[in-house]
PDB file of all heavy atoms in Angstrom:
ATOM      1  N   GLY A   1       0.865  -1.198  -0.027  1.00  0.00           N
ATOM      2  CA  GLY A   1       0.007   0.029  -0.024  1.00  0.00           C
ATOM      3  C   GLY A   1       0.913   1.242  -0.019  1.00  0.00           C
ATOM      4  O   GLY A   1       2.039   1.233   0.471  1.00  0.00           O
ATOM      5  N   PRO A   2       0.361   2.324  -0.475  1.00  0.00           N
ATOM      6  CA  PRO A   2       1.167   3.563  -0.671  1.00  0.00           C
ATOM      7  C   PRO A   2       1.741   4.139   0.637  1.00  0.00           C
ATOM      8  O   PRO A   2       2.906   4.415   0.710  1.00  0.00           O
ATOM      9  CB  PRO A   2       0.171   4.565  -1.341  1.00  0.00           C
ATOM     10  CG  PRO A   2      -0.917   3.802  -1.816  1.00  0.00           C
ATOM     11  CD  PRO A   2      -0.973   2.571  -1.047  1.00  0.00           C
ATOM     12  N   THR A   3       0.945   4.282   1.664  1.00  0.00           N
ATOM     13  CA  THR A   3       1.459   4.954   2.847  1.00  0.00           C
ATOM     14  C   THR A   3       2.541   4.140   3.547  1.00  0.00           C
ATOM     15  O   THR A   3       3.565   4.694   3.942  1.00  0.00           O
ATOM     16  CB  THR A   3       0.304   5.259   3.812  1.00  0.00           C
ATOM     17  OG1 THR A   3      -0.755   5.950   3.162  1.00  0.00           O
ATOM     18  CG2 THR A   3       0.718   6.055   5.018  1.00  0.00           C
ATOM     19  N   TYR A   4       2.297   2.906   3.720  1.00  0.00           N
ATOM     20  CA  TYR A   4       3.307   2.028   4.417  1.00  0.00           C
ATOM     21  C   TYR A   4       4.538   1.932   3.565  1.00  0.00           C
ATOM     22  O   TYR A   4       5.653   2.073   4.138  1.00  0.00           O
ATOM     23  CB  TYR A   4       2.662   0.646   4.744  1.00  0.00           C
ATOM     24  CG  TYR A   4       3.513  -0.253   5.589  1.00  0.00           C
ATOM     25  CD1 TYR A   4       4.127   0.264   6.733  1.00  0.00           C
ATOM     26  CD2 TYR A   4       3.644  -1.557   5.332  1.00  0.00           C
ATOM     27  CE1 TYR A   4       4.884  -0.558   7.523  1.00  0.00           C
ATOM     28  CE2 TYR A   4       4.389  -2.377   6.146  1.00  0.00           C
ATOM     29  CZ  TYR A   4       5.029  -1.815   7.251  1.00  0.00           C
ATOM     30  OH  TYR A   4       5.806  -2.651   8.038  1.00  0.00           O
ATOM     31  N   ALA A   5       4.455   1.701   2.281  1.00  0.00           N
ATOM     32  CA  ALA A   5       5.674   1.562   1.499  1.00  0.00           C
ATOM     33  C   ALA A   5       6.471   2.845   1.431  1.00  0.00           C
ATOM     34  O   ALA A   5       7.704   2.820   1.617  1.00  0.00           O
ATOM     35  CB  ALA A   5       5.252   1.201   0.030  1.00  0.00           C
ATOM     36  N   ILE A   6       5.781   4.003   1.282  1.00  0.00           N
ATOM     37  CA  ILE A   6       6.503   5.293   1.212  1.00  0.00           C
ATOM     38  C   ILE A   6       7.153   5.582   2.610  1.00  0.00           C
ATOM     39  O   ILE A   6       8.248   6.179   2.701  1.00  0.00           O
ATOM     40  CB  ILE A   6       5.594   6.440   0.745  1.00  0.00           C
ATOM     41  CG1 ILE A   6       5.134   6.200  -0.608  1.00  0.00           C
ATOM     42  CG2 ILE A   6       6.310   7.817   0.910  1.00  0.00           C
ATOM     43  CD1 ILE A   6       6.222   6.026  -1.632  1.00  0.00           C
ATOM     44  N   SER A   7       6.496   5.203   3.689  1.00  0.00           N
ATOM     45  CA  SER A   7       7.037   5.469   5.033  1.00  0.00           C
ATOM     46  C   SER A   7       8.324   4.688   5.163  1.00  0.00           C
ATOM     47  O   SER A   7       9.280   5.202   5.752  1.00  0.00           O
ATOM     48  CB  SER A   7       5.984   5.030   6.103  1.00  0.00           C
ATOM     49  OG  SER A   7       4.865   5.735   6.022  1.00  0.00           O
ATOM     50  N   ILE A   8       8.340   3.450   4.684  1.00  0.00           N
ATOM     51  CA  ILE A   8       9.564   2.630   4.785  1.00  0.00           C
ATOM     52  C   ILE A   8      10.612   3.197   3.884  1.00  0.00           C
ATOM     53  O   ILE A   8      11.824   3.330   4.285  1.00  0.00           O
ATOM     54  CB  ILE A   8       9.287   1.154   4.405  1.00  0.00           C
ATOM     55  CG1 ILE A   8       8.351   0.568   5.503  1.00  0.00           C
ATOM     56  CG2 ILE A   8      10.549   0.333   4.260  1.00  0.00           C
ATOM     57  CD1 ILE A   8       7.803  -0.821   5.151  1.00  0.00           C
ATOM     58  N   VAL A   9      10.289   3.660   2.651  1.00  0.00           N
ATOM     59  CA  VAL A   9      11.292   4.179   1.731  1.00  0.00           C
ATOM     60  C   VAL A   9      11.875   5.442   2.412  1.00  0.00           C
ATOM     61  O   VAL A   9      13.083   5.602   2.379  1.00  0.00           O
ATOM     62  CB  VAL A   9      10.601   4.542   0.409  1.00  0.00           C
ATOM     63  CG1 VAL A   9      11.439   5.445  -0.487  1.00  0.00           C
ATOM     64  CG2 VAL A   9      10.205   3.283  -0.324  1.00  0.00           C
ATOM     65  N   LEU A  10      11.046   6.290   2.895  1.00  0.00           N
ATOM     66  CA  LEU A  10      11.536   7.618   3.525  1.00  0.00           C
ATOM     67  C   LEU A  10      12.518   7.301   4.771  1.00  0.00           C
ATOM     68  O   LEU A  10      13.468   7.984   4.961  1.00  0.00           O
ATOM     69  CB  LEU A  10      10.425   8.531   3.897  1.00  0.00           C
ATOM     70  CG  LEU A  10       9.686   9.050   2.708  1.00  0.00           C
ATOM     71  CD1 LEU A  10       8.472   9.989   3.227  1.00  0.00           C
ATOM     72  CD2 LEU A  10      10.581   9.853   1.740  1.00  0.00           C
ATOM     73  N   SER A  11      12.051   6.367   5.526  1.00  0.00           N
ATOM     74  CA  SER A  11      12.892   5.939   6.660  1.00  0.00           C
ATOM     75  C   SER A  11      14.222   5.450   6.276  1.00  0.00           C
ATOM     76  O   SER A  11      15.320   5.807   6.774  1.00  0.00           O
ATOM     77  CB  SER A  11      12.194   4.837   7.514  1.00  0.00           C
ATOM     78  OG  SER A  11      10.953   5.390   8.031  1.00  0.00           O
ATOM     79  N   ALA A  12      14.221   4.535   5.225  1.00  0.00           N
ATOM     80  CA  ALA A  12      15.528   4.016   4.699  1.00  0.00           C
ATOM     81  C   ALA A  12      16.317   5.147   4.068  1.00  0.00           C
ATOM     82  O   ALA A  12      17.541   5.167   4.289  1.00  0.00           O
ATOM     83  CB  ALA A  12      15.183   2.939   3.729  1.00  0.00           C
ATOM     84  N   GLN A  13      15.654   5.981   3.327  1.00  0.00           N
ATOM     85  CA  GLN A  13      16.343   7.149   2.717  1.00  0.00           C
ATOM     86  C   GLN A  13      17.073   8.003   3.790  1.00  0.00           C
ATOM     87  O   GLN A  13      18.271   8.312   3.641  1.00  0.00           O
ATOM     88  CB  GLN A  13      15.381   7.936   1.931  1.00  0.00           C
ATOM     89  CG  GLN A  13      16.050   9.055   1.114  1.00  0.00           C
ATOM     90  CD  GLN A  13      14.998   9.788   0.252  1.00  0.00           C
ATOM     91  OE1 GLN A  13      13.761   9.503   0.271  1.00  0.00           O
ATOM     92  NE2 GLN A  13      15.432  10.743  -0.533  1.00  0.00           N
ATOM     93  N   LEU A  14      16.362   8.320   4.829  1.00  0.00           N
ATOM     94  CA  LEU A  14      16.930   9.152   5.885  1.00  0.00           C
ATOM     95  C   LEU A  14      18.038   8.403   6.595  1.00  0.00           C
ATOM     96  O   LEU A  14      19.101   8.983   6.840  1.00  0.00           O
ATOM     97  CB  LEU A  14      15.806   9.535   6.861  1.00  0.00           C
ATOM     98  CG  LEU A  14      16.239  10.472   8.022  1.00  0.00           C
ATOM     99  CD1 LEU A  14      16.782  11.842   7.382  1.00  0.00           C
ATOM    100  CD2 LEU A  14      15.104  10.757   8.897  1.00  0.00           C
ATOM    101  N   GLY A  15      17.862   7.107   6.887  1.00  0.00           N
ATOM    102  CA  GLY A  15      18.945   6.366   7.576  1.00  0.00           C
ATOM    103  C   GLY A  15      20.185   6.263   6.746  1.00  0.00           C
ATOM    104  O   GLY A  15      21.277   6.426   7.288  1.00  0.00           O
ATOM    105  N   PHE A  16      20.008   5.965   5.482  1.00  0.00           N
ATOM    106  CA  PHE A  16      21.187   5.816   4.655  1.00  0.00           C
ATOM    107  C   PHE A  16      21.874   7.167   4.356  1.00  0.00           C
ATOM    108  O   PHE A  16      23.125   7.290   4.313  1.00  0.00           O
ATOM    109  CB  PHE A  16      20.927   5.146   3.338  1.00  0.00           C
ATOM    110  CG  PHE A  16      20.907   3.599   3.515  1.00  0.00           C
ATOM    111  CD1 PHE A  16      19.654   2.921   3.589  1.00  0.00           C
ATOM    112  CD2 PHE A  16      22.005   2.848   3.596  1.00  0.00           C
ATOM    113  CE1 PHE A  16      19.621   1.569   3.810  1.00  0.00           C
ATOM    114  CE2 PHE A  16      21.992   1.486   3.779  1.00  0.00           C
ATOM    115  CZ  PHE A  16      20.780   0.833   3.873  1.00  0.00           C
ATOM    116  N   ALA A  17      21.074   8.247   4.299  1.00  0.00           N
ATOM    117  CA  ALA A  17      21.641   9.600   4.142  1.00  0.00           C
ATOM    118  C   ALA A  17      22.527   9.922   5.321  1.00  0.00           C
ATOM    119  O   ALA A  17      23.588  10.491   5.190  1.00  0.00           O
ATOM    120  CB  ALA A  17      20.591  10.570   3.906  1.00  0.00           C
ATOM    121  N   LEU A  18      22.001   9.593   6.479  1.00  0.00           N
ATOM    122  CA  LEU A  18      22.775   9.843   7.756  1.00  0.00           C
ATOM    123  C   LEU A  18      24.094   9.063   7.726  1.00  0.00           C
ATOM    124  O   LEU A  18      25.117   9.595   8.103  1.00  0.00           O
ATOM    125  CB  LEU A  18      21.918   9.431   8.959  1.00  0.00           C
ATOM    126  CG  LEU A  18      22.597   9.484  10.338  1.00  0.00           C
ATOM    127  CD1 LEU A  18      23.032  10.945  10.651  1.00  0.00           C
ATOM    128  CD2 LEU A  18      21.628   8.996  11.372  1.00  0.00           C
ATOM    129  N   LEU A  19      23.997   7.817   7.281  1.00  0.00           N
ATOM    130  CA  LEU A  19      25.230   6.934   7.231  1.00  0.00           C
ATOM    131  C   LEU A  19      26.226   7.533   6.315  1.00  0.00           C
ATOM    132  O   LEU A  19      27.372   7.689   6.610  1.00  0.00           O
ATOM    133  CB  LEU A  19      24.802   5.519   6.799  1.00  0.00           C
ATOM    134  CG  LEU A  19      25.969   4.572   6.581  1.00  0.00           C
ATOM    135  CD1 LEU A  19      26.634   4.207   7.906  1.00  0.00           C
ATOM    136  CD2 LEU A  19      25.513   3.261   5.900  1.00  0.00           C
ATOM    137  N   TRP A  20      25.777   7.831   5.035  1.00  0.00           N
ATOM    138  CA  TRP A  20      26.723   8.397   4.029  1.00  0.00           C
ATOM    139  C   TRP A  20      27.216   9.791   4.386  1.00  0.00           C
ATOM    140  O   TRP A  20      28.359  10.047   4.181  1.00  0.00           O
ATOM    141  CB  TRP A  20      26.063   8.373   2.671  1.00  0.00           C
ATOM    142  CG  TRP A  20      25.782   7.004   2.173  1.00  0.00           C
ATOM    143  CD1 TRP A  20      26.631   5.880   2.315  1.00  0.00           C
ATOM    144  CD2 TRP A  20      24.673   6.554   1.441  1.00  0.00           C
ATOM    145  NE1 TRP A  20      26.011   4.823   1.752  1.00  0.00           N
ATOM    146  CE2 TRP A  20      24.838   5.106   1.101  1.00  0.00           C
ATOM    147  CE3 TRP A  20      23.515   7.166   0.900  1.00  0.00           C
ATOM    148  CZ2 TRP A  20      23.940   4.378   0.442  1.00  0.00           C
ATOM    149  CZ3 TRP A  20      22.633   6.387   0.214  1.00  0.00           C
ATOM    150  CH2 TRP A  20      22.770   5.040  -0.037  1.00  0.00           C
ATOM    151  N   ASP A  21      26.392  10.604   5.037  1.00  0.00           N
ATOM    152  CA  ASP A  21      26.897  11.940   5.485  1.00  0.00           C
ATOM    153  C   ASP A  21      27.946  11.711   6.584  1.00  0.00           C
ATOM    154  O   ASP A  21      29.000  12.363   6.567  1.00  0.00           O
ATOM    155  CB  ASP A  21      25.737  12.759   6.065  1.00  0.00           C
ATOM    156  CG  ASP A  21      25.023  13.546   5.006  1.00  0.00           C
ATOM    157  OD1 ASP A  21      25.549  13.699   3.857  1.00  0.00           O
ATOM    158  OD2 ASP A  21      23.951  14.137   5.370  1.00  0.00           O
ATOM    159  N   SER A  22      27.669  10.824   7.532  1.00  0.00           N
ATOM    160  CA  SER A  22      28.562  10.616   8.652  1.00  0.00           C
ATOM    161  C   SER A  22      29.884  10.061   8.221  1.00  0.00           C
ATOM    162  O   SER A  22      30.915  10.342   8.801  1.00  0.00           O
ATOM    163  CB  SER A  22      27.908   9.691   9.662  1.00  0.00           C
ATOM    164  OG  SER A  22      26.778  10.278  10.149  1.00  0.00           O
ATOM    165  N   LEU A  23      29.840   9.187   7.180  1.00  0.00           N
ATOM    166  CA  LEU A  23      31.068   8.602   6.696  1.00  0.00           C
ATOM    167  C   LEU A  23      31.760   9.408   5.612  1.00  0.00           C
ATOM    168  O   LEU A  23      32.903   9.113   5.246  1.00  0.00           O
ATOM    169  CB  LEU A  23      30.784   7.176   6.192  1.00  0.00           C
ATOM    170  CG  LEU A  23      30.291   6.222   7.235  1.00  0.00           C
ATOM    171  CD1 LEU A  23      29.893   4.859   6.678  1.00  0.00           C
ATOM    172  CD2 LEU A  23      31.323   5.993   8.365  1.00  0.00           C
ATOM    173  N   GLY A  24      31.105  10.356   5.033  1.00  0.00           N
ATOM    174  CA  GLY A  24      31.616  11.185   3.961  1.00  0.00           C
ATOM    175  C   GLY A  24      31.836  10.395   2.690  1.00  0.00           C
ATOM    176  O   GLY A  24      32.744  10.727   1.933  1.00  0.00           O
ATOM    177  N   TRP A  25      30.981   9.466   2.434  1.00  0.00           N
ATOM    178  CA  TRP A  25      31.080   8.586   1.193  1.00  0.00           C
ATOM    179  C   TRP A  25      30.611   9.328  -0.052  1.00  0.00           C
ATOM    180  O   TRP A  25      29.856  10.297   0.068  1.00  0.00           O
ATOM    181  CB  TRP A  25      30.274   7.348   1.362  1.00  0.00           C
ATOM    182  CG  TRP A  25      30.919   6.301   2.322  1.00  0.00           C
ATOM    183  CD1 TRP A  25      32.088   6.410   3.038  1.00  0.00           C
ATOM    184  CD2 TRP A  25      30.332   5.065   2.648  1.00  0.00           C
ATOM    185  NE1 TRP A  25      32.267   5.278   3.778  1.00  0.00           N
ATOM    186  CE2 TRP A  25      31.225   4.441   3.592  1.00  0.00           C
ATOM    187  CE3 TRP A  25      29.182   4.415   2.350  1.00  0.00           C
ATOM    188  CZ2 TRP A  25      31.000   3.239   4.153  1.00  0.00           C
ATOM    189  CZ3 TRP A  25      28.902   3.162   2.944  1.00  0.00           C
ATOM    190  CH2 TRP A  25      29.797   2.575   3.807  1.00  0.00           C
ATOM    191  N   LEU A  26      31.040   8.887  -1.168  1.00  0.00           N
ATOM    192  CA  LEU A  26      30.562   9.312  -2.476  1.00  0.00           C
ATOM    193  C   LEU A  26      30.816  10.816  -2.677  1.00  0.00           C
ATOM    194  O   LEU A  26      30.058  11.536  -3.296  1.00  0.00           O
ATOM    195  CB  LEU A  26      29.093   8.995  -2.685  1.00  0.00           C
ATOM    196  CG  LEU A  26      28.718   7.498  -2.509  1.00  0.00           C
ATOM    197  CD1 LEU A  26      27.234   7.312  -2.505  1.00  0.00           C
ATOM    198  CD2 LEU A  26      29.382   6.658  -3.651  1.00  0.00           C
ATOM    199  N   GLY A  27      31.887  11.308  -2.103  1.00  0.00           N
ATOM    200  CA  GLY A  27      32.229  12.717  -2.349  1.00  0.00           C
ATOM    201  C   GLY A  27      31.511  13.677  -1.448  1.00  0.00           C
ATOM    202  O   GLY A  27      31.623  14.907  -1.660  1.00  0.00           O
ATOM    203  N   LEU A  28      30.805  13.282  -0.474  1.00  0.00           N
ATOM    204  CA  LEU A  28      29.978  14.136   0.423  1.00  0.00           C
ATOM    205  C   LEU A  28      30.913  14.723   1.429  1.00  0.00           C
ATOM    206  O   LEU A  28      31.939  14.033   1.872  1.00  0.00           O
ATOM    207  CB  LEU A  28      28.847  13.326   1.087  1.00  0.00           C
ATOM    208  CG  LEU A  28      27.794  12.785   0.222  1.00  0.00           C
ATOM    209  CD1 LEU A  28      26.817  11.918   1.030  1.00  0.00           C
ATOM    210  CD2 LEU A  28      26.968  13.979  -0.423  1.00  0.00           C
ATOM    211  N   THR A  29      30.604  15.835   1.936  1.00  0.00           N
ATOM    212  CA  THR A  29      31.381  16.505   2.993  1.00  0.00           C
ATOM    213  C   THR A  29      30.950  15.767   4.238  1.00  0.00           C
ATOM    214  O   THR A  29      29.761  15.487   4.463  1.00  0.00           O
ATOM    215  CB  THR A  29      31.014  17.984   3.149  1.00  0.00           C
ATOM    216  OG1 THR A  29      31.319  18.631   1.880  1.00  0.00           O
ATOM    217  CG2 THR A  29      31.700  18.574   4.319  1.00  0.00           C
ATOM    218  N   ARG A  30      31.939  15.314   5.032  1.00  0.00           N
ATOM    219  CA  ARG A  30      31.656  14.506   6.231  1.00  0.00           C
ATOM    220  C   ARG A  30      30.975  15.401   7.261  1.00  0.00           C
ATOM    221  O   ARG A  30      31.465  16.422   7.571  1.00  0.00           O
ATOM    222  CB  ARG A  30      32.952  13.921   6.748  1.00  0.00           C
ATOM    223  CG  ARG A  30      32.725  12.925   7.811  1.00  0.00           C
ATOM    224  CD  ARG A  30      33.948  12.061   8.071  1.00  0.00           C
ATOM    225  NE  ARG A  30      33.623  10.958   8.902  1.00  0.00           N
ATOM    226  CZ  ARG A  30      34.238  10.771  10.055  1.00  0.00           C
ATOM    227  NH1 ARG A  30      35.272  11.433  10.437  1.00  0.00           N
ATOM    228  NH2 ARG A  30      33.863   9.659  10.763  1.00  0.00           N
ATOM    229  N   VAL A  31      29.871  14.913   7.724  1.00  0.00           N
ATOM    230  CA  VAL A  31      29.034  15.572   8.806  1.00  0.00           C
ATOM    231  C   VAL A  31      29.190  14.731  10.063  1.00  0.00           C
ATOM    232  O   VAL A  31      28.848  13.528  10.009  1.00  0.00           O
ATOM    233  CB  VAL A  31      27.573  15.706   8.360  1.00  0.00           C
ATOM    234  CG1 VAL A  31      26.833  16.312   9.505  1.00  0.00           C
ATOM    235  CG2 VAL A  31      27.496  16.527   7.070  1.00  0.00           C
ATOM    236  N   PRO A  32      29.655  15.335  11.141  1.00  0.00           N
ATOM    237  CA  PRO A  32      29.788  14.473  12.407  1.00  0.00           C
ATOM    238  C   PRO A  32      28.518  13.838  12.848  1.00  0.00           C
ATOM    239  O   PRO A  32      27.479  14.510  12.842  1.00  0.00           O
ATOM    240  CB  PRO A  32      30.311  15.464  13.438  1.00  0.00           C
ATOM    241  CG  PRO A  32      30.849  16.607  12.623  1.00  0.00           C
ATOM    242  CD  PRO A  32      30.069  16.648  11.374  1.00  0.00           C
ATOM    243  N   PHE A  33      28.591  12.549  13.102  1.00  0.00           N
ATOM    244  CA  PHE A  33      27.393  11.863  13.593  1.00  0.00           C
ATOM    245  C   PHE A  33      27.082  12.250  14.999  1.00  0.00           C
ATOM    246  O   PHE A  33      27.925  12.427  15.820  1.00  0.00           O
ATOM    247  CB  PHE A  33      27.720  10.337  13.598  1.00  0.00           C
ATOM    248  CG  PHE A  33      26.610   9.501  14.145  1.00  0.00           C
ATOM    249  CD1 PHE A  33      25.524   9.153  13.300  1.00  0.00           C
ATOM    250  CD2 PHE A  33      26.639   9.024  15.402  1.00  0.00           C
ATOM    251  CE1 PHE A  33      24.508   8.354  13.809  1.00  0.00           C
ATOM    252  CE2 PHE A  33      25.661   8.252  15.900  1.00  0.00           C
ATOM    253  CZ  PHE A  33      24.530   7.868  15.095  1.00  0.00           C
ATOM    254  N   THR A  34      25.774  12.416  15.322  1.00  0.00           N
ATOM    255  CA  THR A  34      25.365  12.836  16.689  1.00  0.00           C
ATOM    256  C   THR A  34      24.253  11.903  17.166  1.00  0.00           C
ATOM    257  O   THR A  34      23.527  11.293  16.272  1.00  0.00           O
ATOM    258  CB  THR A  34      24.821  14.295  16.754  1.00  0.00           C
ATOM    259  OG1 THR A  34      23.633  14.399  16.028  1.00  0.00           O
ATOM    260  CG2 THR A  34      25.894  15.297  16.291  1.00  0.00           C
ATOM    261  N   MET A  35      24.041  11.810  18.437  1.00  0.00           N
ATOM    262  CA  MET A  35      22.997  10.960  18.963  1.00  0.00           C
ATOM    263  C   MET A  35      21.619  11.558  18.558  1.00  0.00           C
ATOM    264  O   MET A  35      20.649  10.831  18.458  1.00  0.00           O
ATOM    265  CB  MET A  35      23.143  10.824  20.494  1.00  0.00           C
ATOM    266  CG  MET A  35      24.307   9.918  20.865  1.00  0.00           C
ATOM    267  SD  MET A  35      24.169   8.239  20.129  1.00  0.00           S
ATOM    268  CE  MET A  35      22.756   7.602  20.854  1.00  0.00           C
ATOM    269  N   GLN A  36      21.555  12.896  18.479  1.00  0.00           N
ATOM    270  CA  GLN A  36      20.253  13.445  18.148  1.00  0.00           C
ATOM    271  C   GLN A  36      19.841  13.042  16.738  1.00  0.00           C
ATOM    272  O   GLN A  36      18.662  12.798  16.495  1.00  0.00           O
ATOM    273  CB  GLN A  36      20.341  15.079  18.167  1.00  0.00           C
ATOM    274  CG  GLN A  36      20.435  15.658  19.518  1.00  0.00           C
ATOM    275  CD  GLN A  36      21.931  15.817  19.944  1.00  0.00           C
ATOM    276  OE1 GLN A  36      22.833  15.217  19.388  1.00  0.00           O
ATOM    277  NE2 GLN A  36      22.097  16.649  21.020  1.00  0.00           N
ATOM    278  N   GLN A  37      20.774  12.887  15.856  1.00  0.00           N
ATOM    279  CA  GLN A  37      20.451  12.384  14.512  1.00  0.00           C
ATOM    280  C   GLN A  37      19.901  10.976  14.567  1.00  0.00           C
ATOM    281  O   GLN A  37      18.963  10.604  13.933  1.00  0.00           O
ATOM    282  CB  GLN A  37      21.616  12.469  13.570  1.00  0.00           C
ATOM    283  CG  GLN A  37      22.123  13.915  13.244  1.00  0.00           C
ATOM    284  CD  GLN A  37      23.462  13.934  12.608  1.00  0.00           C
ATOM    285  OE1 GLN A  37      24.324  13.059  12.869  1.00  0.00           O
ATOM    286  NE2 GLN A  37      23.642  14.880  11.710  1.00  0.00           N
ATOM    287  N   LEU A  38      20.568  10.150  15.308  1.00  0.00           N
ATOM    288  CA  LEU A  38      20.174   8.733  15.450  1.00  0.00           C
ATOM    289  C   LEU A  38      18.798   8.655  16.126  1.00  0.00           C
ATOM    290  O   LEU A  38      17.915   7.934  15.655  1.00  0.00           O
ATOM    291  CB  LEU A  38      21.212   7.924  16.310  1.00  0.00           C
ATOM    292  CG  LEU A  38      20.789   6.488  16.596  1.00  0.00           C
ATOM    293  CD1 LEU A  38      20.705   5.716  15.244  1.00  0.00           C
ATOM    294  CD2 LEU A  38      21.822   5.883  17.516  1.00  0.00           C
ATOM    295  N   VAL A  39      18.527   9.431  17.136  1.00  0.00           N
ATOM    296  CA  VAL A  39      17.243   9.456  17.834  1.00  0.00           C
ATOM    297  C   VAL A  39      16.190   9.930  16.841  1.00  0.00           C
ATOM    298  O   VAL A  39      15.082   9.321  16.762  1.00  0.00           O
ATOM    299  CB  VAL A  39      17.251  10.404  19.100  1.00  0.00           C
ATOM    300  CG1 VAL A  39      15.856  10.577  19.553  1.00  0.00           C
ATOM    301  CG2 VAL A  39      18.118   9.700  20.186  1.00  0.00           C
ATOM    302  N   GLY A  40      16.456  10.927  15.961  1.00  0.00           N
ATOM    303  CA  GLY A  40      15.523  11.396  14.999  1.00  0.00           C
ATOM    304  C   GLY A  40      15.110  10.321  13.999  1.00  0.00           C
ATOM    305  O   GLY A  40      13.965  10.097  13.730  1.00  0.00           O
ATOM    306  N   VAL A  41      16.137   9.548  13.558  1.00  0.00           N
ATOM    307  CA  VAL A  41      15.829   8.443  12.617  1.00  0.00           C
ATOM    308  C   VAL A  41      15.068   7.325  13.391  1.00  0.00           C
ATOM    309  O   VAL A  41      14.021   6.829  12.735  1.00  0.00           O
ATOM    310  CB  VAL A  41      17.149   7.840  11.990  1.00  0.00           C
ATOM    311  CG1 VAL A  41      16.910   6.544  11.253  1.00  0.00           C
ATOM    312  CG2 VAL A  41      17.809   8.852  11.147  1.00  0.00           C
ATOM    313  N   LEU A  42      15.409   7.073  14.561  1.00  0.00           N
ATOM    314  CA  LEU A  42      14.664   5.968  15.316  1.00  0.00           C
ATOM    315  C   LEU A  42      13.230   6.405  15.617  1.00  0.00           C
ATOM    316  O   LEU A  42      12.283   5.598  15.595  1.00  0.00           O
ATOM    317  CB  LEU A  42      15.448   5.668  16.569  1.00  0.00           C
ATOM    318  CG  LEU A  42      16.756   4.962  16.362  1.00  0.00           C
ATOM    319  CD1 LEU A  42      17.480   4.747  17.720  1.00  0.00           C
ATOM    320  CD2 LEU A  42      16.563   3.602  15.679  1.00  0.00           C
TER     321      LEU A  42
END
């Protein structure tokens, strides 16, 4: 269904964006990982 599928997609998108930002992968500027970011994703 649309709502559940998109909710999962957006959660995964946010989680992986946090991971890639924190690690500075794919040419991204490294952004320090914080517990507030993790809590936000959770």
